[in-house]
Amino acid sequence: MGEPISMMLTTRERELLRKYAYPFEVLEKELEKCKGCRGEVEITTDALEWEQAVGQISISVNEVVRSDSLLEELDELACQIEYELERN
């Protein structure tokens, strides 16, 4: 595992990751740990898993999601993750 990268994610953002990013093992475990938590929670995994999540979100946007509001949410989440990756 590479250098850990932490991000603060809201309940909704974590739900979106679970449903549309098909997270790898470590990210999945991090999301599972805070499944019942409300509000922002710090989620930590390495850059590869965050990049995988962004890629899977892109696939979901192109192949699965039809709702404009959901597309906007997913795009915003992917941009947020990419921004954090660039900062690290």
Protein backbone atom coordinates (compact mmCIF):
# COMPACT_ATOMS: atom_id res chain seq x y z
CA MET A 1 0.00 0.00 0.00
CA GLY A 2 1.29 3.45 -0.89
CA GLU A 3 1.29 6.61 1.18
CA PRO A 4 -2.06 6.99 2.98
CA ILE A 5 -4.30 9.86 1.87
CA SER A 6 -7.17 10.99 4.08
CA MET A 7 -10.30 12.78 2.96
CA MET A 8 -13.25 14.12 4.90
CA LEU A 9 -16.44 12.75 3.35
CA THR A 10 -20.08 13.40 4.19
CA THR A 11 -22.62 10.65 4.73
CA ARG A 12 -23.93 11.18 1.19
CA GLU A 13 -20.47 11.09 -0.37
CA ARG A 14 -19.72 7.82 1.39
CA GLU A 15 -23.02 6.37 0.14
CA LEU A 16 -22.16 7.42 -3.41
CA LEU A 17 -18.73 5.79 -3.15
CA ARG A 18 -20.25 2.53 -1.93
CA LYS A 19 -22.85 2.43 -4.68
CA TYR A 20 -21.03 3.87 -7.71
CA ALA A 21 -17.27 3.54 -7.11
CA TYR A 22 -17.12 -0.21 -6.45
CA PRO A 23 -14.32 0.37 -3.92
CA PHE A 24 -11.26 -1.82 -3.53
CA GLU A 25 -10.72 -3.75 -0.31
CA VAL A 26 -9.13 -1.11 1.94
CA LEU A 27 -11.51 1.66 0.90
CA GLU A 28 -14.46 -0.70 1.32
CA LYS A 29 -13.31 -1.55 4.86
CA GLU A 30 -12.92 2.15 5.69
CA LEU A 31 -16.42 2.88 4.42
CA GLU A 32 -17.83 -0.10 6.30
CA LYS A 33 -16.29 1.08 9.60
CA CYS A 34 -18.34 4.26 9.52
CA LYS A 35 -21.49 2.88 7.90
CA GLY A 36 -23.80 4.16 10.67
CA CYS A 37 -21.95 7.44 11.21
CA ARG A 38 -23.56 10.74 10.32
CA GLY A 39 -21.86 13.85 9.02
CA GLU A 40 -18.27 14.14 7.88
CA VAL A 41 -15.88 11.28 8.59
CA GLU A 42 -12.21 10.94 7.72
CA ILE A 43 -11.58 8.12 5.24
CA THR A 44 -8.01 6.97 4.60
CA THR A 45 -6.58 4.78 1.87
CA ASP A 46 -3.80 5.03 -0.70
CA ALA A 47 -3.78 6.98 -3.97
CA LEU A 48 -4.34 3.86 -6.08
CA GLU A 49 -7.64 3.11 -4.35
CA TRP A 50 -8.79 6.74 -4.62
CA GLU A 51 -7.86 6.74 -8.33
CA GLN A 52 -9.74 3.47 -8.80
CA ALA A 53 -12.80 5.03 -7.16
CA VAL A 54 -12.67 8.00 -9.55
CA GLY A 55 -12.37 5.65 -12.52
CA GLN A 56 -15.32 3.58 -11.38
CA ILE A 57 -17.38 6.71 -10.78
CA SER A 58 -16.62 7.71 -14.38
CA ILE A 59 -17.81 4.33 -15.64
CA SER A 60 -21.01 4.63 -13.57
CA VAL A 61 -21.61 8.13 -14.94
CA ASN A 62 -21.22 6.92 -18.52
CA GLU A 63 -23.01 3.57 -18.27
CA VAL A 64 -25.41 3.48 -15.31
CA VAL A 65 -26.63 6.85 -14.09
CA ARG A 66 -29.38 8.72 -15.91
CA SER A 67 -30.43 11.33 -13.33
CA ASP A 68 -28.94 14.77 -14.00
CA SER A 69 -28.80 15.63 -10.31
CA LEU A 70 -27.02 12.36 -9.50
CA LEU A 71 -24.61 12.90 -12.39
CA GLU A 72 -23.78 16.29 -10.94
CA GLU A 73 -23.21 14.84 -7.45
CA LEU A 74 -20.93 12.12 -8.78
CA ASP A 75 -18.97 14.56 -10.91
CA GLU A 76 -18.49 16.82 -7.90
CA LEU A 77 -17.31 13.89 -5.77
CA ALA A 78 -14.85 12.72 -8.45
CA CYS A 79 -13.49 16.28 -8.78
CA GLN A 80 -13.12 16.54 -5.01
CA ILE A 81 -11.13 13.29 -4.86
CA GLU A 82 -8.95 14.33 -7.81
CA TYR A 83 -8.27 17.69 -6.16
CA GLU A 84 -7.16 15.99 -2.94
CA LEU A 85 -4.95 13.59 -4.90
CA GLU A 86 -3.24 16.50 -6.65
CA ARG A 87 -2.56 18.17 -3.30
CA ASN A 88 -0.75 15.10 -1.97
